[in-house]
Amino acid sequence: MFEARFALCDGPIRENCVVDGDTFWFKGDKIRIADIDAPEIFSPHCRDEKHVGEIARDRLLVLLNAGGFTLVSGWRDTDRYGRTLRTVTRDDRSLGEALVEDGLARRWNAPERDWCSID
């Protein structure tokens, strides 16, 4: 079980901070949440995608700061960008799934979602 205080990533030093709705830094390691895909903030296809991406980022920040969590390895250790892939859980429940339930991410194996045509 891990616990840390997270902030939004700002500047070159990345220790414990949240990048976006599916990526954060923990103890200097870049973690990509393995079970979800969140809207893009840095290369969005439209303003709506960026807006929902910022809400997802802020929600992930709240979730990570809400208490202890575990990082669970899957069938791959890293993605093609070298980020560590982990499912983040608390009390045996995926924090990524909480973002999906909030409408702020899609399950990794679900069909692509067009964040530019928000329901």
N, C-alpha and C. Protein backbone atom coordinates (compact mmCIF):
# COMPACT_ATOMS: atom_id res chain seq x y z
N MET A 1 0.87 -1.18 0.00
CA MET A 1 0.00 0.00 0.00
C MET A 1 0.91 1.23 0.00
N PHE A 2 0.58 2.16 -0.88
CA PHE A 2 1.32 3.42 -0.99
C PHE A 2 0.41 4.57 -0.57
N GLU A 3 1.04 5.64 -0.15
CA GLU A 3 0.30 6.86 0.13
C GLU A 3 1.23 8.02 -0.12
N ALA A 4 0.72 9.05 -0.76
CA ALA A 4 1.52 10.23 -1.06
C ALA A 4 0.58 11.40 -1.24
N ARG A 5 1.13 12.59 -1.21
CA ARG A 5 0.38 13.80 -1.50
C ARG A 5 0.73 14.22 -2.91
N PHE A 6 -0.28 14.31 -3.77
CA PHE A 6 -0.08 14.66 -5.17
C PHE A 6 -0.51 16.09 -5.45
N ALA A 7 0.12 16.69 -6.44
CA ALA A 7 -0.26 18.01 -6.97
C ALA A 7 -0.37 17.85 -8.49
N LEU A 8 -0.81 18.88 -9.16
CA LEU A 8 -0.77 18.87 -10.63
C LEU A 8 0.67 19.08 -11.06
N CYS A 9 1.09 18.40 -12.11
CA CYS A 9 2.46 18.54 -12.60
C CYS A 9 2.65 19.95 -13.16
N ASP A 10 3.72 20.57 -12.73
CA ASP A 10 4.02 21.93 -13.17
C ASP A 10 5.53 22.12 -13.06
N GLY A 11 6.18 22.29 -14.18
CA GLY A 11 7.62 22.47 -14.15
C GLY A 11 8.37 21.18 -14.40
N PRO A 12 9.69 21.25 -14.39
CA PRO A 12 10.52 20.11 -14.78
C PRO A 12 10.65 19.01 -13.73
N ILE A 13 10.41 19.32 -12.46
CA ILE A 13 10.56 18.31 -11.42
C ILE A 13 9.25 17.55 -11.27
N ARG A 14 9.31 16.25 -11.49
CA ARG A 14 8.11 15.42 -11.47
C ARG A 14 8.31 14.33 -10.42
N GLU A 15 7.81 14.55 -9.23
CA GLU A 15 7.95 13.59 -8.14
C GLU A 15 6.62 12.87 -7.89
N ASN A 16 5.65 13.56 -7.33
CA ASN A 16 4.31 13.02 -7.09
C ASN A 16 3.31 14.02 -7.64
N CYS A 17 2.96 13.84 -8.92
CA CYS A 17 2.05 14.80 -9.54
C CYS A 17 1.24 14.12 -10.65
N VAL A 18 0.13 14.75 -10.99
CA VAL A 18 -0.80 14.22 -11.99
C VAL A 18 -0.63 15.00 -13.29
N VAL A 19 -0.43 14.27 -14.39
CA VAL A 19 -0.27 14.86 -15.72
C VAL A 19 -1.62 15.07 -16.37
N ASP A 20 -2.40 13.96 -16.42
CA ASP A 20 -3.73 14.01 -17.03
C ASP A 20 -4.58 12.90 -16.41
N GLY A 21 -5.68 12.56 -17.02
CA GLY A 21 -6.61 11.62 -16.41
C GLY A 21 -6.14 10.18 -16.36
N ASP A 22 -5.06 9.85 -17.07
CA ASP A 22 -4.56 8.48 -17.02
C ASP A 22 -3.05 8.38 -16.83
N THR A 23 -2.40 9.48 -16.48
CA THR A 23 -0.95 9.48 -16.30
C THR A 23 -0.57 10.33 -15.09
N PHE A 24 0.33 9.78 -14.27
CA PHE A 24 0.84 10.53 -13.13
C PHE A 24 2.26 10.09 -12.82
N TRP A 25 2.95 10.91 -12.05
CA TRP A 25 4.29 10.59 -11.57
C TRP A 25 4.20 10.21 -10.11
N PHE A 26 4.89 9.12 -9.75
CA PHE A 26 4.92 8.67 -8.36
C PHE A 26 6.35 8.28 -8.01
N LYS A 27 6.90 8.96 -7.02
CA LYS A 27 8.29 8.72 -6.60
C LYS A 27 9.25 8.82 -7.78
N GLY A 28 8.97 9.75 -8.69
CA GLY A 28 9.84 9.97 -9.84
C GLY A 28 9.62 9.04 -11.02
N ASP A 29 8.67 8.10 -10.92
CA ASP A 29 8.36 7.20 -12.03
C ASP A 29 7.07 7.63 -12.71
N LYS A 30 7.07 7.63 -14.04
CA LYS A 30 5.88 7.99 -14.80
C LYS A 30 4.99 6.77 -14.93
N ILE A 31 3.78 6.86 -14.37
CA ILE A 31 2.83 5.75 -14.35
C ILE A 31 1.68 6.04 -15.31
N ARG A 32 1.40 5.07 -16.18
CA ARG A 32 0.25 5.14 -17.08
C ARG A 32 -0.77 4.16 -16.53
N ILE A 33 -1.97 4.65 -16.21
CA ILE A 33 -3.01 3.77 -15.68
C ILE A 33 -3.41 2.79 -16.79
N ALA A 34 -3.23 1.50 -16.51
CA ALA A 34 -3.31 0.48 -17.55
C ALA A 34 -4.72 0.15 -18.00
N ASP A 35 -5.72 0.34 -17.14
CA ASP A 35 -7.06 -0.16 -17.48
C ASP A 35 -7.99 0.89 -18.08
N ILE A 36 -7.49 2.11 -18.32
CA ILE A 36 -8.35 3.16 -18.89
C ILE A 36 -7.61 3.98 -19.94
N ASP A 37 -8.39 4.78 -20.65
CA ASP A 37 -7.87 5.80 -21.55
C ASP A 37 -8.70 7.04 -21.31
N ALA A 38 -8.06 8.14 -20.98
CA ALA A 38 -8.75 9.40 -20.68
C ALA A 38 -8.56 10.38 -21.84
N PRO A 39 -9.41 11.39 -21.92
CA PRO A 39 -9.29 12.39 -22.99
C PRO A 39 -7.95 13.13 -22.93
N GLU A 40 -7.51 13.56 -24.08
CA GLU A 40 -6.23 14.27 -24.18
C GLU A 40 -6.35 15.72 -23.74
N ILE A 41 -5.32 16.19 -23.07
CA ILE A 41 -5.23 17.59 -22.68
C ILE A 41 -4.22 18.32 -23.56
N PHE A 42 -3.11 17.66 -23.87
CA PHE A 42 -2.00 18.33 -24.54
C PHE A 42 -2.08 18.30 -26.06
N SER A 43 -2.81 17.35 -26.61
CA SER A 43 -3.04 17.32 -28.07
C SER A 43 -4.49 16.92 -28.33
N PRO A 44 -5.43 17.70 -27.81
CA PRO A 44 -6.84 17.35 -27.98
C PRO A 44 -7.30 17.59 -29.41
N HIS A 45 -8.37 16.90 -29.80
CA HIS A 45 -8.95 17.10 -31.12
C HIS A 45 -9.91 18.29 -31.15
N CYS A 46 -10.32 18.76 -29.96
CA CYS A 46 -11.26 19.88 -29.88
C CYS A 46 -11.25 20.44 -28.45
N ARG A 47 -11.92 21.55 -28.26
CA ARG A 47 -12.00 22.16 -26.92
C ARG A 47 -12.72 21.28 -25.92
N ASP A 48 -13.78 20.58 -26.37
CA ASP A 48 -14.52 19.71 -25.45
C ASP A 48 -13.62 18.60 -24.90
N GLU A 49 -12.80 18.01 -25.76
CA GLU A 49 -11.90 16.94 -25.30
C GLU A 49 -10.94 17.50 -24.25
N LYS A 50 -10.36 18.66 -24.51
CA LYS A 50 -9.44 19.26 -23.54
C LYS A 50 -10.16 19.55 -22.22
N HIS A 51 -11.37 20.06 -22.31
CA HIS A 51 -12.14 20.39 -21.11
C HIS A 51 -12.41 19.14 -20.26
N VAL A 52 -12.90 18.07 -20.90
CA VAL A 52 -13.18 16.83 -20.17
C VAL A 52 -11.87 16.23 -19.66
N GLY A 53 -10.81 16.35 -20.44
CA GLY A 53 -9.49 15.87 -20.00
C GLY A 53 -9.02 16.57 -18.74
N GLU A 54 -9.26 17.87 -18.65
CA GLU A 54 -8.87 18.62 -17.45
C GLU A 54 -9.71 18.19 -16.24
N ILE A 55 -10.99 17.92 -16.47
CA ILE A 55 -11.85 17.43 -15.38
C ILE A 55 -11.37 16.05 -14.93
N ALA A 56 -11.01 15.18 -15.87
CA ALA A 56 -10.50 13.85 -15.54
C ALA A 56 -9.20 13.96 -14.75
N ARG A 57 -8.31 14.84 -15.17
CA ARG A 57 -7.05 15.06 -14.45
C ARG A 57 -7.31 15.49 -13.01
N ASP A 58 -8.22 16.44 -12.85
CA ASP A 58 -8.53 16.95 -11.51
C ASP A 58 -9.18 15.88 -10.65
N ARG A 59 -10.01 15.04 -11.25
CA ARG A 59 -10.66 13.95 -10.51
C ARG A 59 -9.63 12.90 -10.09
N LEU A 60 -8.68 12.58 -10.97
CA LEU A 60 -7.62 11.64 -10.61
C LEU A 60 -6.80 12.19 -9.45
N LEU A 61 -6.53 13.48 -9.45
CA LEU A 61 -5.80 14.10 -8.34
C LEU A 61 -6.54 13.87 -7.03
N VAL A 62 -7.84 14.09 -7.02
CA VAL A 62 -8.65 13.89 -5.82
C VAL A 62 -8.61 12.42 -5.40
N LEU A 63 -8.77 11.51 -6.36
CA LEU A 63 -8.76 10.08 -6.05
C LEU A 63 -7.43 9.63 -5.46
N LEU A 64 -6.32 10.07 -6.03
CA LEU A 64 -5.01 9.68 -5.51
C LEU A 64 -4.76 10.24 -4.11
N ASN A 65 -5.26 11.44 -3.85
CA ASN A 65 -5.05 12.07 -2.55
C ASN A 65 -6.03 11.60 -1.48
N ALA A 66 -6.96 10.72 -1.84
CA ALA A 66 -8.00 10.29 -0.89
C ALA A 66 -7.55 9.17 0.05
N GLY A 67 -6.33 8.67 -0.11
CA GLY A 67 -5.86 7.62 0.79
C GLY A 67 -4.90 6.68 0.11
N GLY A 68 -4.57 5.62 0.82
CA GLY A 68 -3.61 4.65 0.32
C GLY A 68 -4.10 3.96 -0.95
N PHE A 69 -3.17 3.50 -1.76
CA PHE A 69 -3.50 2.83 -3.01
C PHE A 69 -2.44 1.78 -3.30
N THR A 70 -2.77 0.87 -4.18
CA THR A 70 -1.81 -0.13 -4.65
C THR A 70 -1.62 0.03 -6.14
N LEU A 71 -0.47 -0.39 -6.62
CA LEU A 71 -0.15 -0.40 -8.05
C LEU A 71 0.00 -1.84 -8.47
N VAL A 72 -0.88 -2.29 -9.35
CA VAL A 72 -0.95 -3.69 -9.75
C VAL A 72 -0.39 -3.86 -11.16
N SER A 73 0.58 -4.75 -11.29
CA SER A 73 1.17 -5.05 -12.60
C SER A 73 0.20 -5.89 -13.42
N GLY A 74 0.28 -5.71 -14.73
CA GLY A 74 -0.54 -6.49 -15.65
C GLY A 74 0.32 -7.37 -16.52
N TRP A 75 -0.15 -7.65 -17.72
CA TRP A 75 0.58 -8.53 -18.62
C TRP A 75 1.76 -7.83 -19.31
N ARG A 76 1.76 -6.48 -19.29
CA ARG A 76 2.90 -5.71 -19.81
C ARG A 76 3.39 -4.78 -18.73
N ASP A 77 4.70 -4.58 -18.64
CA ASP A 77 5.25 -3.71 -17.61
C ASP A 77 5.32 -2.26 -18.06
N THR A 78 5.58 -2.02 -19.35
CA THR A 78 5.68 -0.66 -19.87
C THR A 78 4.94 -0.55 -21.19
N ASP A 79 4.59 0.70 -21.55
CA ASP A 79 3.96 0.93 -22.84
C ASP A 79 5.02 1.35 -23.86
N ARG A 80 4.60 1.65 -25.06
CA ARG A 80 5.55 1.97 -26.13
C ARG A 80 6.31 3.28 -25.89
N TYR A 81 5.84 4.09 -24.94
CA TYR A 81 6.52 5.34 -24.60
C TYR A 81 7.42 5.18 -23.37
N GLY A 82 7.53 3.97 -22.86
CA GLY A 82 8.38 3.72 -21.70
C GLY A 82 7.73 4.00 -20.35
N ARG A 83 6.45 4.32 -20.36
CA ARG A 83 5.75 4.58 -19.09
C ARG A 83 5.44 3.25 -18.41
N THR A 84 5.54 3.23 -17.09
CA THR A 84 5.19 2.06 -16.31
C THR A 84 3.68 1.88 -16.34
N LEU A 85 3.22 0.69 -16.70
CA LEU A 85 1.78 0.40 -16.78
C LEU A 85 1.34 -0.26 -15.47
N ARG A 86 0.35 0.34 -14.82
CA ARG A 86 -0.18 -0.21 -13.58
C ARG A 86 -1.68 0.09 -13.47
N THR A 87 -2.40 -0.85 -12.88
CA THR A 87 -3.77 -0.58 -12.46
C THR A 87 -3.68 -0.05 -11.04
N VAL A 88 -4.36 1.04 -10.77
CA VAL A 88 -4.30 1.68 -9.46
C VAL A 88 -5.56 1.30 -8.70
N THR A 89 -5.41 0.70 -7.52
CA THR A 89 -6.57 0.25 -6.77
C THR A 89 -6.55 0.76 -5.33
N ARG A 90 -7.73 0.81 -4.78
CA ARG A 90 -7.91 1.09 -3.35
C ARG A 90 -9.05 0.18 -2.90
N ASP A 91 -8.84 -0.57 -1.85
CA ASP A 91 -9.86 -1.51 -1.35
C ASP A 91 -10.33 -2.44 -2.47
N ASP A 92 -9.40 -2.94 -3.26
CA ASP A 92 -9.69 -3.87 -4.37
C ASP A 92 -10.58 -3.28 -5.45
N ARG A 93 -10.62 -1.96 -5.56
CA ARG A 93 -11.43 -1.29 -6.58
C ARG A 93 -10.53 -0.39 -7.40
N SER A 94 -10.64 -0.48 -8.71
CA SER A 94 -9.82 0.30 -9.63
C SER A 94 -10.20 1.79 -9.59
N LEU A 95 -9.21 2.65 -9.41
CA LEU A 95 -9.48 4.09 -9.50
C LEU A 95 -9.81 4.47 -10.95
N GLY A 96 -9.24 3.73 -11.90
CA GLY A 96 -9.58 3.95 -13.30
C GLY A 96 -11.06 3.68 -13.56
N GLU A 97 -11.58 2.63 -12.95
CA GLU A 97 -13.00 2.30 -13.11
C GLU A 97 -13.87 3.42 -12.55
N ALA A 98 -13.42 4.07 -11.47
CA ALA A 98 -14.16 5.20 -10.92
C ALA A 98 -14.24 6.33 -11.95
N LEU A 99 -13.15 6.57 -12.68
CA LEU A 99 -13.17 7.59 -13.74
C LEU A 99 -14.11 7.20 -14.87
N VAL A 100 -14.15 5.91 -15.21
CA VAL A 100 -15.08 5.43 -16.24
C VAL A 100 -16.51 5.67 -15.79
N GLU A 101 -16.81 5.32 -14.55
CA GLU A 101 -18.17 5.50 -14.03
C GLU A 101 -18.57 6.97 -14.00
N ASP A 102 -17.60 7.86 -13.81
CA ASP A 102 -17.87 9.30 -13.82
C ASP A 102 -17.98 9.87 -15.24
N GLY A 103 -17.77 9.03 -16.26
CA GLY A 103 -17.83 9.48 -17.64
C GLY A 103 -16.59 10.25 -18.07
N LEU A 104 -15.48 10.06 -17.35
CA LEU A 104 -14.26 10.83 -17.61
C LEU A 104 -13.15 10.01 -18.26
N ALA A 105 -13.44 8.75 -18.55
CA ALA A 105 -12.48 7.86 -19.22
C ALA A 105 -13.26 6.71 -19.84
N ARG A 106 -12.57 5.95 -20.67
CA ARG A 106 -13.16 4.73 -21.21
C ARG A 106 -12.28 3.57 -20.78
N ARG A 107 -12.87 2.40 -20.67
CA ARG A 107 -12.08 1.20 -20.38
C ARG A 107 -11.10 1.01 -21.53
N TRP A 108 -9.92 0.52 -21.22
CA TRP A 108 -8.86 0.37 -22.22
C TRP A 108 -9.32 -0.49 -23.40
N ASN A 109 -10.06 -1.55 -23.14
CA ASN A 109 -10.46 -2.45 -24.22
C ASN A 109 -11.80 -2.07 -24.85
N ALA A 110 -12.39 -0.96 -24.45
CA ALA A 110 -13.67 -0.50 -25.01
C ALA A 110 -13.42 0.22 -26.34
N PRO A 111 -14.46 0.37 -27.14
CA PRO A 111 -14.31 1.12 -28.40
C PRO A 111 -13.84 2.55 -28.13
N GLU A 112 -13.16 3.11 -29.12
CA GLU A 112 -12.72 4.51 -29.02
C GLU A 112 -13.92 5.40 -28.71
N ARG A 113 -13.67 6.50 -28.02
CA ARG A 113 -14.75 7.42 -27.71
C ARG A 113 -14.42 8.77 -28.33
N ASP A 114 -15.42 9.39 -28.95
CA ASP A 114 -15.25 10.71 -29.54
C ASP A 114 -15.59 11.74 -28.47
N TRP A 115 -14.58 12.28 -27.84
CA TRP A 115 -14.78 13.26 -26.78
C TRP A 115 -15.25 14.60 -27.33
N CYS A 116 -15.23 14.76 -28.66
CA CYS A 116 -15.67 16.01 -29.28
C CYS A 116 -17.18 16.03 -29.51
N SER A 117 -17.83 14.91 -29.32
CA SER A 117 -19.29 14.87 -29.44
C SER A 117 -19.87 14.34 -28.13
N ILE A 118 -19.66 15.12 -27.09
CA ILE A 118 -20.07 14.73 -25.75
C ILE A 118 -21.59 14.65 -25.68
N ASP A 119 -22.08 13.57 -25.06
CA ASP A 119 -23.53 13.34 -24.96
C ASP A 119 -24.21 14.44 -24.18
